[in-house]
Amino acid sequence: GGDLDAQDFLSRVDLLGDIGFNVLISNYSEYFRLTSYFRRYTKEMIGVPMGINNLLEVFNEKYYEHLEGGILEAFGRLFRNSVKLYIYPMHQSAYEHYLAAGQNPAPALFTPKNTNAFSGVLITAKNLQVSEHLQNLYAHLLENHYIDCIVGFDPVILNIFSRDVLQRIKNNDSTWERMVPGPVAAAIKKRGLFGYNTEAAVEKEQTQLTASVDASDPLAGLV
């Protein structure tokens, strides 16, 4: 909605630092502006990894209404000088979850109709289809490898949805700890990030432990 929760934003930056990544914060909302900035400091190829949902946004023409050349001008700036988009796949079921969460995709893109019957099908850059008036443009970018599929990904984590993780943290549902890297879970618990309530979590854990012990005691119901 355009609003920024500064604390939430900076917490995410800190967590990326905790797992060994360097983080650069910019105010470039368009990818072509970001890659132009990077081009000042390197002549090598610039690779931009993103998910299917981000690719949907890249092809949303409403973001380029302020440009005289519209989406063609934006893409001309984005893909010049050896820039390539690497697209992370998404399960059909995760995509439906994405829509159900109120995340409306760009009207320019939609998923192939034949994936609706198979929740296990992966939506990738190669089977994602665009609106008729953008099909030739998308085909050109795909065939010339300006857009490519990420390989070597872990299929086990494709069902993890960040909004689910955040909601479980707020609900003191300890299952969220298995959905993030160990150092991230430790940092969230230590700093009380994203609504994590240390006291409530400990109390809930103790309650669950007590219930587990009682259930394993054959005499518990006779006391």
Protein backbone atom coordinates (compact mmCIF):
# COMPACT_ATOMS: atom_id res chain seq x y z
CA GLY A 1 0.00 0.00 0.00
CA GLY A 2 3.00 2.29 -0.14
CA ASP A 3 3.46 2.49 3.62
CA LEU A 4 6.74 1.36 5.14
CA ASP A 5 7.12 -0.10 8.61
CA ALA A 6 10.66 1.05 9.29
CA GLN A 7 11.25 -1.34 12.18
CA ASP A 8 10.00 -4.34 10.22
CA PHE A 9 12.09 -3.29 7.22
CA LEU A 10 15.30 -2.86 9.19
CA SER A 11 14.71 -6.14 11.03
CA ARG A 12 14.72 -7.95 7.69
CA VAL A 13 17.97 -6.22 6.77
CA ASP A 14 19.55 -7.29 10.07
CA LEU A 15 18.48 -10.91 9.56
CA LEU A 16 20.08 -11.01 6.11
CA GLY A 17 23.26 -9.73 7.73
CA ASP A 18 23.01 -12.44 10.39
CA ILE A 19 23.16 -15.19 7.76
CA GLY A 20 26.14 -13.66 6.00
CA PHE A 21 24.70 -11.52 3.22
CA ASN A 22 25.68 -7.98 2.37
CA VAL A 23 22.70 -5.64 2.13
CA LEU A 24 22.35 -2.43 0.12
CA ILE A 25 19.25 -0.29 0.64
CA SER A 26 18.11 1.98 -2.17
CA ASN A 27 15.07 4.07 -2.96
CA TYR A 28 14.83 2.82 -6.55
CA SER A 29 11.35 1.41 -6.98
CA GLU A 30 11.89 0.35 -10.60
CA TYR A 31 14.33 -2.42 -11.50
CA PHE A 32 15.72 -0.52 -14.49
CA ARG A 33 16.81 2.31 -12.19
CA LEU A 34 18.46 -0.16 -9.81
CA THR A 35 20.42 -1.92 -12.55
CA SER A 36 21.49 1.44 -13.98
CA TYR A 37 22.91 2.28 -10.56
CA PHE A 38 24.84 -1.00 -10.39
CA ARG A 39 26.18 -0.42 -13.89
CA ARG A 40 28.16 2.56 -12.55
CA TYR A 41 30.37 0.15 -10.63
CA THR A 42 30.77 -2.88 -12.88
CA LYS A 43 31.08 -3.83 -16.54
CA GLU A 44 30.23 -7.47 -15.80
CA MET A 45 26.82 -9.06 -16.29
CA ILE A 46 24.20 -8.09 -13.71
CA GLY A 47 21.91 -10.90 -12.60
CA VAL A 48 18.62 -10.09 -10.86
CA PRO A 49 16.95 -13.04 -9.09
CA MET A 50 13.24 -12.74 -8.41
CA GLY A 51 10.13 -14.81 -7.83
CA ILE A 52 7.15 -15.32 -10.10
CA ASN A 53 5.21 -12.68 -8.15
CA ASN A 54 7.95 -10.11 -8.79
CA LEU A 55 8.01 -11.00 -12.48
CA LEU A 56 4.28 -10.32 -12.57
CA GLU A 57 4.97 -6.84 -11.25
CA VAL A 58 7.77 -6.21 -13.75
CA PHE A 59 5.27 -6.78 -16.56
CA ASN A 60 2.62 -4.56 -15.01
CA GLU A 61 2.32 -1.67 -17.44
CA LYS A 62 0.86 0.70 -14.87
CA TYR A 63 4.36 1.22 -13.43
CA TYR A 64 5.59 2.70 -16.70
CA GLU A 65 2.79 5.14 -17.50
CA HIS A 66 5.10 8.05 -16.66
CA LEU A 67 7.54 7.01 -19.38
CA GLU A 68 6.95 8.23 -22.93
CA GLY A 69 7.89 4.83 -24.30
CA GLY A 70 5.95 2.90 -21.66
CA ILE A 71 6.98 -0.68 -20.98
CA LEU A 72 9.21 -0.79 -24.09
CA GLU A 73 11.29 2.11 -22.83
CA ALA A 74 11.52 0.56 -19.36
CA PHE A 75 12.66 -2.79 -20.76
CA GLY A 76 15.12 -1.09 -23.06
CA ARG A 77 16.74 0.49 -20.01
CA LEU A 78 16.49 -2.67 -17.91
CA PHE A 79 18.03 -5.16 -20.30
CA ARG A 80 20.76 -3.07 -21.87
CA ASN A 81 24.37 -3.74 -20.99
CA SER A 82 24.11 -7.42 -20.02
CA VAL A 83 21.28 -7.59 -17.50
CA LYS A 84 19.47 -10.86 -16.94
CA LEU A 85 16.49 -11.86 -14.80
CA TYR A 86 16.69 -15.24 -13.04
CA ILE A 87 13.20 -16.42 -12.11
CA TYR A 88 12.57 -18.60 -9.06
CA PRO A 89 9.69 -21.07 -9.62
CA MET A 90 6.48 -21.24 -7.64
CA HIS A 91 4.08 -24.11 -6.98
CA GLN A 92 0.62 -23.68 -8.44
CA SER A 93 -0.78 -24.14 -4.93
CA ALA A 94 1.51 -21.39 -3.59
CA TYR A 95 0.42 -19.09 -6.40
CA GLU A 96 -3.23 -19.68 -5.50
CA HIS A 97 -2.32 -18.97 -1.87
CA TYR A 98 -0.66 -15.77 -3.05
CA LEU A 99 -3.88 -14.69 -4.76
CA ALA A 100 -6.05 -15.71 -1.79
CA ALA A 101 -3.90 -13.51 0.47
CA GLY A 102 -5.04 -10.50 -1.52
CA GLN A 103 -1.96 -10.21 -3.72
CA ASN A 104 -3.43 -9.26 -7.08
CA PRO A 105 -1.10 -10.11 -9.94
CA ALA A 106 -0.40 -7.72 -12.76
CA PRO A 107 -3.25 -7.97 -15.28
CA ALA A 108 -0.66 -8.55 -17.99
CA LEU A 109 0.22 -12.05 -16.84
CA PHE A 110 -1.65 -15.20 -15.96
CA THR A 111 -0.75 -18.86 -15.47
CA PRO A 112 -1.39 -21.57 -18.04
CA LYS A 113 -4.87 -23.04 -17.78
CA ASN A 114 -3.57 -26.60 -17.73
CA THR A 115 -1.83 -26.07 -14.37
CA ASN A 116 -5.09 -25.53 -12.47
CA ALA A 117 -5.72 -29.23 -12.11
CA PHE A 118 -2.27 -30.02 -10.74
CA SER A 119 -1.29 -28.33 -7.49
CA GLY A 120 2.18 -29.85 -7.75
CA VAL A 121 2.97 -28.21 -11.08
CA LEU A 122 5.71 -25.60 -10.99
CA ILE A 123 5.06 -22.23 -12.53
CA THR A 124 8.30 -21.11 -14.19
CA ALA A 125 9.47 -18.43 -16.57
CA LYS A 126 9.00 -20.91 -19.41
CA ASN A 127 5.36 -21.87 -18.81
CA LEU A 128 4.14 -18.50 -17.61
CA GLN A 129 2.02 -16.83 -20.29
CA VAL A 130 1.40 -13.18 -20.96
CA SER A 131 -1.46 -11.21 -22.41
CA GLU A 132 -1.75 -11.41 -26.17
CA HIS A 133 -0.35 -7.93 -26.85
CA LEU A 134 2.84 -8.74 -24.85
CA GLN A 135 3.44 -12.30 -26.06
CA ASN A 136 6.01 -11.41 -28.72
CA LEU A 137 7.90 -9.19 -26.30
CA TYR A 138 8.01 -11.91 -23.65
CA ALA A 139 9.02 -14.55 -26.20
CA HIS A 140 11.86 -12.33 -27.41
CA LEU A 141 13.21 -11.85 -23.87
CA LEU A 142 12.89 -15.56 -23.09
CA GLU A 143 14.41 -16.83 -26.33
CA ASN A 144 17.38 -14.48 -26.04
CA HIS A 145 17.92 -15.42 -22.39
CA TYR A 146 17.22 -12.01 -20.93
CA ILE A 147 14.83 -13.98 -18.73
CA ASP A 148 15.83 -17.44 -17.54
CA CYS A 149 14.85 -20.06 -14.97
CA ILE A 150 16.82 -20.49 -11.78
CA VAL A 151 18.21 -24.04 -11.44
CA GLY A 152 19.46 -25.91 -8.39
CA PHE A 153 16.67 -24.68 -6.13
CA ASP A 154 15.42 -26.65 -3.11
CA PRO A 155 11.87 -27.88 -3.94
CA VAL A 156 11.20 -28.63 -0.25
CA ILE A 157 11.01 -24.95 0.65
CA LEU A 158 8.74 -23.89 -2.20
CA ASN A 159 5.67 -24.29 0.02
CA ILE A 160 7.00 -21.83 2.62
CA PHE A 161 5.16 -18.53 2.40
CA SER A 162 6.60 -15.52 4.21
CA ARG A 163 3.20 -14.21 5.29
CA ASP A 164 2.47 -17.58 6.91
CA VAL A 165 5.74 -17.41 8.82
CA LEU A 166 4.97 -13.91 10.10
CA GLN A 167 1.48 -14.94 11.19
CA ARG A 168 2.79 -17.98 13.06
CA ILE A 169 5.36 -15.82 14.83
CA LYS A 170 2.62 -13.46 16.01
CA ASN A 171 0.45 -16.41 17.09
CA ASN A 172 3.33 -18.00 19.05
CA ASP A 173 3.09 -21.06 16.83
CA SER A 174 6.53 -22.61 17.20
CA THR A 175 6.30 -24.37 13.82
CA TRP A 176 7.62 -21.18 12.22
CA GLU A 177 11.08 -22.04 13.53
CA ARG A 178 11.32 -24.93 11.06
CA MET A 179 10.48 -22.61 8.17
CA VAL A 180 13.53 -20.31 8.47
CA PRO A 181 17.30 -20.82 8.80
CA GLY A 182 18.52 -21.57 12.33
CA PRO A 183 20.40 -18.26 12.82
CA VAL A 184 17.29 -16.36 11.72
CA ALA A 185 15.07 -18.16 14.23
CA ALA A 186 17.59 -17.51 17.00
CA ALA A 187 17.81 -13.80 16.15
CA ILE A 188 14.03 -13.38 16.01
CA LYS A 189 13.60 -15.01 19.40
CA LYS A 190 16.50 -13.13 20.99
CA ARG A 191 15.40 -9.70 19.75
CA GLY A 192 11.64 -10.24 19.84
CA LEU A 193 11.24 -9.35 16.16
CA PHE A 194 8.07 -9.38 14.05
CA GLY A 195 5.75 -9.53 17.04
CA TYR A 196 7.47 -12.46 18.72
CA ASN A 197 6.45 -12.50 22.40
CA THR A 198 9.10 -14.28 24.42
CA GLU A 199 7.02 -14.66 27.58
CA ALA A 200 3.94 -15.88 25.74
CA ALA A 201 6.00 -18.32 23.68
CA VAL A 202 7.68 -19.78 26.75
CA GLU A 203 4.35 -20.08 28.55
CA LYS A 204 2.76 -21.82 25.57
CA GLU A 205 5.73 -24.18 25.26
CA GLN A 206 5.51 -25.08 28.95
CA THR A 207 1.76 -25.68 28.64
CA GLN A 208 2.30 -27.98 25.67
CA LEU A 209 5.08 -29.81 27.50
CA THR A 210 2.87 -30.32 30.56
CA ALA A 211 0.03 -31.62 28.41
CA SER A 212 2.44 -33.99 26.69
CA VAL A 213 3.70 -35.34 30.01
CA ASP A 214 0.16 -35.78 31.34
CA ALA A 215 -0.89 -37.64 28.23
CA SER A 216 1.99 -40.07 28.61
CA ASP A 217 1.17 -40.80 32.28
CA PRO A 218 -1.40 -43.65 32.56
CA LEU A 219 -2.31 -42.49 36.06
CA ALA A 220 -2.78 -38.83 35.16
CA GLY A 221 -6.54 -39.20 34.77
CA LEU A 222 -6.86 -40.81 38.22
CA VAL A 223 -5.20 -37.99 40.17
